[in-house]
Amino acid sequence: MKSSVLDGPVRKNLVFVLPGLLIYAAFVFVPILSAVGLSFTSWNGVSRPEWVGLGNYAELFGDARFFTSLKNNAMLMAFYCLIPLIVGMALAAMVSSIRSREQLAIRTLLFMPYIMPSAVIGIVWQWLYNPAFGPINQGLKAIGLGALALPWLGDFTWALPAVGMVAVWYYFGFCMVIFLTGMQRIDPSIFEAARVDGAKPGYVFRRITFPLLLPEIRIVLLLTIIASIKSFDLIFTMTRGGPANATLVPNIYMYQLGFQLSRYGYAAAVAIIGALLIFAVNYVIHRTIRPRDGA
């Protein structure tokens, strides 16, 4: 009797959930399983796939270009995650002390880069970095710093930091808005009590603001690290992985393998390793950054 009562609501709920599950299965779950299966084959996109087992993965872990892409990706994480987090938190602390009307204007202005397509941003910044007529080099020459004018995206040393600074500009406004939301969640009486007790701003930030913002810090880290591992369009439009693999990342390498060299099985293995890295990072962040109870 009890099970029959529960069966009715469950069946009705399944009717509403089933369309979403079917769409998810068709466009997410099935492609993921197909990529996993493809990673165990050698396929050029035309002939029948040839089963190679773990051959692609064995070759991958001996591939110097793949490890170069991982190293570049690890360096880019500082620009995608660490610097935007620090800048966003500092800006949130400053903007939160401004009156509401001015705060809305500043917050909108700083958040605006994040709402733009990253591919468009890459094209715009490629023009800004242009060594011949780009505004950055022209501005340096105009103020007498022509020695600092470089072919930014063509320099082996500066190409990766140049792309990274665009990622900082793209993500710091997003981080700021997340931290502003977290600061509005904190009870103002906590800060008032700290000021009455004579606590200095640095102490208040370390002991009160930072611990209470751990949920927001975790969200920011998760989203920006995932974005750094999945980075493609910004780098593709600016450098295409050059010069000489200086900005090569796994997704660019996967694109080159699949769409330029027709090594789809090997490219799928790169994609699976990237997905495993995302899961590993998510696990580490969830295990290490835990908000206090009641935060």
Protein backbone atom coordinates (compact mmCIF):
# COMPACT_ATOMS: atom_id res chain seq x y z
CA MET A 1 0.00 0.00 0.00
CA LYS A 2 2.77 2.38 0.94
CA SER A 3 4.80 1.68 -2.18
CA SER A 4 1.79 2.20 -4.41
CA VAL A 5 1.20 5.64 -2.85
CA LEU A 6 4.81 6.61 -3.56
CA ASP A 7 4.78 5.21 -7.08
CA GLY A 8 2.26 7.77 -8.30
CA PRO A 9 4.26 10.97 -7.49
CA VAL A 10 7.51 9.33 -8.60
CA ARG A 11 6.08 8.38 -11.97
CA LYS A 12 4.63 11.86 -12.47
CA ASN A 13 7.99 13.44 -11.64
CA LEU A 14 9.76 11.11 -14.06
CA VAL A 15 7.51 12.32 -16.86
CA PHE A 16 8.80 15.88 -16.33
CA VAL A 17 12.44 14.83 -15.80
CA LEU A 18 12.64 12.38 -18.71
CA PRO A 19 12.89 14.98 -21.55
CA GLY A 20 15.81 16.67 -19.81
CA LEU A 21 17.50 13.33 -19.17
CA LEU A 22 17.11 12.35 -22.82
CA ILE A 23 18.61 15.64 -24.02
CA TYR A 24 21.48 15.27 -21.52
CA ALA A 25 22.11 11.70 -22.62
CA ALA A 26 22.07 12.59 -26.32
CA PHE A 27 24.30 15.66 -26.18
CA VAL A 28 26.52 15.05 -23.12
CA PHE A 29 26.61 11.46 -21.85
CA VAL A 30 26.73 9.66 -25.21
CA PRO A 31 29.48 11.94 -26.64
CA ILE A 32 31.56 11.41 -23.47
CA LEU A 33 31.24 7.63 -23.79
CA SER A 34 32.05 7.89 -27.51
CA ALA A 35 35.20 9.90 -26.74
CA VAL A 36 36.28 7.32 -24.16
CA GLY A 37 35.79 4.51 -26.67
CA LEU A 38 37.53 6.47 -29.43
CA SER A 39 40.57 7.06 -27.20
CA PHE A 40 41.29 3.32 -27.35
CA THR A 41 41.43 3.32 -31.16
CA SER A 42 43.50 4.68 -34.00
CA TRP A 43 41.19 6.53 -36.42
CA ASN A 44 41.86 9.01 -39.19
CA GLY A 45 38.22 10.02 -39.61
CA VAL A 46 37.73 8.05 -42.85
CA SER A 47 38.70 4.42 -42.46
CA ARG A 48 37.37 2.02 -39.86
CA PRO A 49 38.75 2.66 -36.33
CA GLU A 50 41.51 0.25 -35.33
CA TRP A 51 41.58 -0.96 -31.72
CA VAL A 52 44.89 -0.12 -30.01
CA GLY A 53 43.89 -0.49 -26.36
CA LEU A 54 46.04 1.69 -24.12
CA GLY A 55 48.44 2.47 -26.96
CA ASN A 56 47.34 6.11 -27.26
CA TYR A 57 47.81 6.69 -23.54
CA ALA A 58 51.21 4.98 -23.54
CA GLU A 59 52.31 7.20 -26.42
CA LEU A 60 50.81 10.25 -24.73
CA PHE A 61 52.90 9.89 -21.59
CA GLY A 62 56.02 9.82 -23.75
CA ASP A 63 54.95 12.81 -25.85
CA ALA A 64 57.16 15.87 -25.23
CA ARG A 65 54.63 18.26 -26.82
CA PHE A 66 51.90 17.02 -24.52
CA PHE A 67 54.04 17.69 -21.45
CA THR A 68 54.91 21.12 -22.86
CA SER A 69 51.19 21.85 -23.13
CA LEU A 70 50.64 20.70 -19.53
CA LYS A 71 53.50 22.93 -18.32
CA ASN A 72 52.07 25.93 -20.16
CA ASN A 73 48.63 25.16 -18.76
CA ALA A 74 50.03 25.02 -15.22
CA MET A 75 51.65 28.45 -15.74
CA LEU A 76 48.42 29.86 -17.14
CA MET A 77 46.56 28.77 -14.00
CA ALA A 78 48.28 31.63 -12.14
CA PHE A 79 46.79 34.08 -14.65
CA TYR A 80 43.38 32.42 -14.79
CA CYS A 81 43.02 31.71 -11.06
CA LEU A 82 45.50 33.22 -8.61
CA ILE A 83 45.90 36.77 -9.91
CA PRO A 84 42.17 37.32 -10.69
CA LEU A 85 41.31 35.96 -7.23
CA ILE A 86 43.69 38.39 -5.47
CA VAL A 87 42.73 41.37 -7.65
CA GLY A 88 39.02 40.54 -7.41
CA MET A 89 39.12 40.28 -3.63
CA ALA A 90 41.02 43.57 -3.29
CA LEU A 91 38.58 45.34 -5.62
CA ALA A 92 35.60 43.85 -3.79
CA ALA A 93 36.94 45.23 -0.50
CA MET A 94 37.33 48.70 -2.05
CA VAL A 95 34.07 48.74 -4.01
CA SER A 96 32.04 47.53 -1.01
CA SER A 97 32.89 50.77 0.84
CA ILE A 98 31.49 52.97 -1.96
CA ARG A 99 27.95 54.30 -2.00
CA SER A 100 25.36 52.10 -3.71
CA ARG A 101 24.81 54.20 -6.85
CA GLU A 102 28.52 54.62 -7.63
CA GLN A 103 29.12 51.01 -6.62
CA LEU A 104 26.66 49.77 -9.23
CA ALA A 105 28.37 51.76 -11.99
CA ILE A 106 31.88 50.62 -11.03
CA ARG A 107 30.79 47.01 -10.57
CA THR A 108 29.12 47.00 -14.01
CA LEU A 109 32.16 48.57 -15.66
CA LEU A 110 34.61 46.09 -14.14
CA PHE A 111 32.36 43.08 -14.83
CA MET A 112 31.78 44.04 -18.47
CA PRO A 113 34.79 42.12 -19.95
CA TYR A 114 33.37 38.86 -18.61
CA ILE A 115 30.12 39.17 -20.58
CA MET A 116 31.99 39.47 -23.88
CA PRO A 117 32.82 36.35 -25.95
CA SER A 118 36.40 35.35 -25.23
CA ALA A 119 37.09 34.76 -28.93
CA VAL A 120 36.18 38.38 -29.67
CA ILE A 121 38.38 39.53 -26.79
CA GLY A 122 41.26 37.49 -28.22
CA ILE A 123 40.93 39.22 -31.61
CA VAL A 124 40.78 42.67 -29.98
CA TRP A 125 43.84 42.03 -27.83
CA GLN A 126 45.73 40.58 -30.78
CA TRP A 127 45.30 43.99 -32.41
CA LEU A 128 46.31 45.78 -29.20
CA TYR A 129 49.50 43.70 -29.00
CA ASN A 130 50.37 44.24 -32.68
CA PRO A 131 54.09 45.17 -32.77
CA ALA A 132 53.79 47.56 -35.74
CA PHE A 133 50.65 49.61 -35.07
CA GLY A 134 49.21 48.24 -31.81
CA PRO A 135 48.24 50.87 -29.22
CA ILE A 136 50.37 49.23 -26.50
CA ASN A 137 53.67 49.59 -28.37
CA GLN A 138 52.66 52.94 -29.79
CA GLY A 139 51.89 54.19 -26.30
CA LEU A 140 55.26 52.97 -24.97
CA LYS A 141 57.07 54.76 -27.79
CA ALA A 142 55.06 57.94 -27.21
CA ILE A 143 56.22 58.20 -23.58
CA GLY A 144 59.85 57.42 -24.38
CA LEU A 145 59.80 53.71 -23.47
CA GLY A 146 60.31 52.39 -26.98
CA ALA A 147 62.91 49.92 -25.68
CA LEU A 148 60.06 48.07 -23.93
CA ALA A 149 58.04 47.76 -27.15
CA LEU A 150 58.13 44.06 -28.03
CA PRO A 151 56.46 41.69 -30.48
CA TRP A 152 54.45 40.44 -27.51
CA LEU A 153 52.66 37.50 -29.10
CA GLY A 154 55.70 36.53 -31.18
CA ASP A 155 58.22 36.57 -28.34
CA PHE A 156 59.15 33.17 -26.89
CA THR A 157 59.41 34.61 -23.36
CA TRP A 158 56.51 37.07 -23.30
CA ALA A 159 53.86 35.32 -25.41
CA LEU A 160 52.47 33.25 -22.52
CA PRO A 161 52.38 36.14 -19.98
CA ALA A 162 50.81 38.38 -22.64
CA VAL A 163 47.97 35.89 -23.17
CA GLY A 164 47.76 35.37 -19.42
CA MET A 165 47.25 39.07 -18.70
CA VAL A 166 44.26 39.04 -21.04
CA ALA A 167 42.84 36.17 -18.96
CA VAL A 168 43.42 38.26 -15.81
CA TRP A 169 41.55 41.18 -17.38
CA TYR A 170 38.74 38.84 -18.40
CA TYR A 171 38.22 37.11 -15.04
CA PHE A 172 39.00 39.64 -12.30
CA GLY A 173 35.62 41.36 -12.65
CA PHE A 174 33.85 38.01 -12.30
CA CYS A 175 35.84 37.25 -9.13
CA MET A 176 35.06 40.70 -7.75
CA VAL A 177 31.30 40.24 -8.19
CA ILE A 178 31.41 36.83 -6.46
CA PHE A 179 33.32 38.28 -3.51
CA LEU A 180 31.01 41.30 -3.30
CA THR A 181 28.08 38.92 -3.05
CA GLY A 182 29.86 37.05 -0.27
CA MET A 183 30.61 40.26 1.64
CA GLN A 184 26.96 41.27 1.49
CA ARG A 185 26.11 37.91 3.04
CA ILE A 186 28.26 38.60 6.13
CA ASP A 187 26.47 40.17 9.10
CA PRO A 188 27.74 43.80 9.45
CA SER A 189 27.50 43.53 13.24
CA ILE A 190 30.55 41.24 13.19
CA PHE A 191 32.70 44.01 11.72
CA GLU A 192 31.22 46.60 14.08
CA ALA A 193 32.09 44.43 17.06
CA ALA A 194 35.64 44.02 15.74
CA ARG A 195 36.04 47.79 15.33
CA VAL A 196 34.75 48.37 18.86
CA ASP A 197 37.35 45.90 20.14
CA GLY A 198 40.06 47.89 18.35
CA ALA A 199 40.86 45.33 15.65
CA LYS A 200 42.92 46.68 12.78
CA PRO A 201 41.75 46.26 9.14
CA GLY A 202 44.43 43.66 8.36
CA TYR A 203 43.46 41.57 11.37
CA VAL A 204 39.76 41.85 10.50
CA PHE A 205 40.45 40.64 6.97
CA ARG A 206 42.60 37.68 8.09
CA ARG A 207 40.41 36.54 10.98
CA ILE A 208 36.90 37.47 9.84
CA THR A 209 36.49 38.39 6.16
CA PHE A 210 38.75 35.75 4.61
CA PRO A 211 37.42 32.76 6.62
CA LEU A 212 33.82 33.79 5.97
CA LEU A 213 34.52 34.11 2.24
CA LEU A 214 35.77 30.52 1.92
CA PRO A 215 32.58 29.36 0.10
CA GLU A 216 33.07 32.09 -2.50
CA ILE A 217 36.81 31.37 -2.75
CA ARG A 218 36.03 27.73 -3.43
CA ILE A 219 33.55 28.65 -6.17
CA VAL A 220 36.01 31.05 -7.79
CA LEU A 221 38.83 28.49 -7.70
CA LEU A 222 36.66 25.75 -9.15
CA LEU A 223 35.35 27.85 -12.03
CA THR A 224 38.63 29.56 -12.93
CA ILE A 225 40.75 26.40 -12.73
CA ILE A 226 38.25 24.54 -14.90
CA ALA A 227 38.34 27.48 -17.33
CA SER A 228 42.15 27.35 -17.42
CA ILE A 229 42.20 23.62 -18.16
CA LYS A 230 39.52 24.07 -20.84
CA SER A 231 41.19 27.18 -22.32
CA PHE A 232 41.02 27.21 -26.11
CA ASP A 233 39.28 30.10 -27.86
CA LEU A 234 41.30 32.94 -26.27
CA ILE A 235 44.64 31.26 -27.05
CA PHE A 236 43.53 30.06 -30.47
CA THR A 237 42.48 33.52 -31.65
CA MET A 238 45.64 35.17 -30.28
CA THR A 239 48.53 32.76 -30.94
CA ARG A 240 47.20 29.35 -32.07
CA GLY A 241 49.67 27.81 -29.62
CA GLY A 242 52.76 29.60 -30.97
CA PRO A 243 55.40 30.75 -31.23
CA ALA A 244 57.15 27.36 -31.20
CA ASN A 245 54.60 25.87 -28.74
CA ALA A 246 55.20 28.71 -26.23
CA THR A 247 51.43 28.99 -25.62
CA LEU A 248 50.44 25.43 -26.50
CA VAL A 249 47.83 23.99 -24.11
CA PRO A 250 46.14 20.56 -24.16
CA ASN A 251 42.98 21.77 -25.91
CA ILE A 252 44.99 23.46 -28.68
CA TYR A 253 47.08 20.30 -29.01
CA MET A 254 43.92 18.22 -29.17
CA TYR A 255 42.60 20.47 -31.97
CA GLN A 256 45.85 20.14 -33.91
CA LEU A 257 45.86 16.37 -33.55
CA GLY A 258 42.24 15.92 -34.58
CA PHE A 259 41.50 18.57 -37.20
CA GLN A 260 44.95 19.08 -38.70
CA LEU A 261 46.64 15.68 -38.38
CA SER A 262 43.47 13.51 -38.44
CA ARG A 263 44.58 11.54 -35.38
CA TYR A 264 41.18 11.45 -33.74
CA GLY A 265 41.85 8.55 -31.38
CA TYR A 266 45.00 10.20 -30.03
CA ALA A 267 43.17 13.54 -29.73
CA ALA A 268 40.39 11.82 -27.77
CA ALA A 269 43.01 10.47 -25.34
CA VAL A 270 44.20 14.06 -24.75
CA ALA A 271 40.59 15.09 -24.08
CA ILE A 272 40.09 12.27 -21.56
CA ILE A 273 43.27 13.22 -19.69
CA GLY A 274 42.01 16.82 -19.55
CA ALA A 275 38.67 15.66 -18.13
CA LEU A 276 40.45 13.55 -15.50
CA LEU A 277 42.52 16.59 -14.52
CA ILE A 278 39.33 18.60 -13.99
CA PHE A 279 37.85 15.88 -11.79
CA ALA A 280 41.11 15.66 -9.80
CA VAL A 281 41.23 19.43 -9.26
CA ASN A 282 37.58 19.47 -8.17
CA TYR A 283 38.26 16.71 -5.67
CA VAL A 284 41.33 18.45 -4.22
CA ILE A 285 39.53 21.79 -3.84
CA HIS A 286 36.49 20.19 -2.20
CA ARG A 287 38.74 18.31 0.22
CA THR A 288 41.08 21.16 1.12
CA ILE A 289 38.83 24.25 1.16
CA ARG A 290 36.03 23.65 3.60
CA PRO A 291 33.97 26.53 4.99
CA ARG A 292 33.52 26.76 8.71
CA ASP A 293 30.31 25.37 10.10
CA GLY A 294 27.58 27.95 9.84
CA ALA A 295 29.54 30.09 7.34
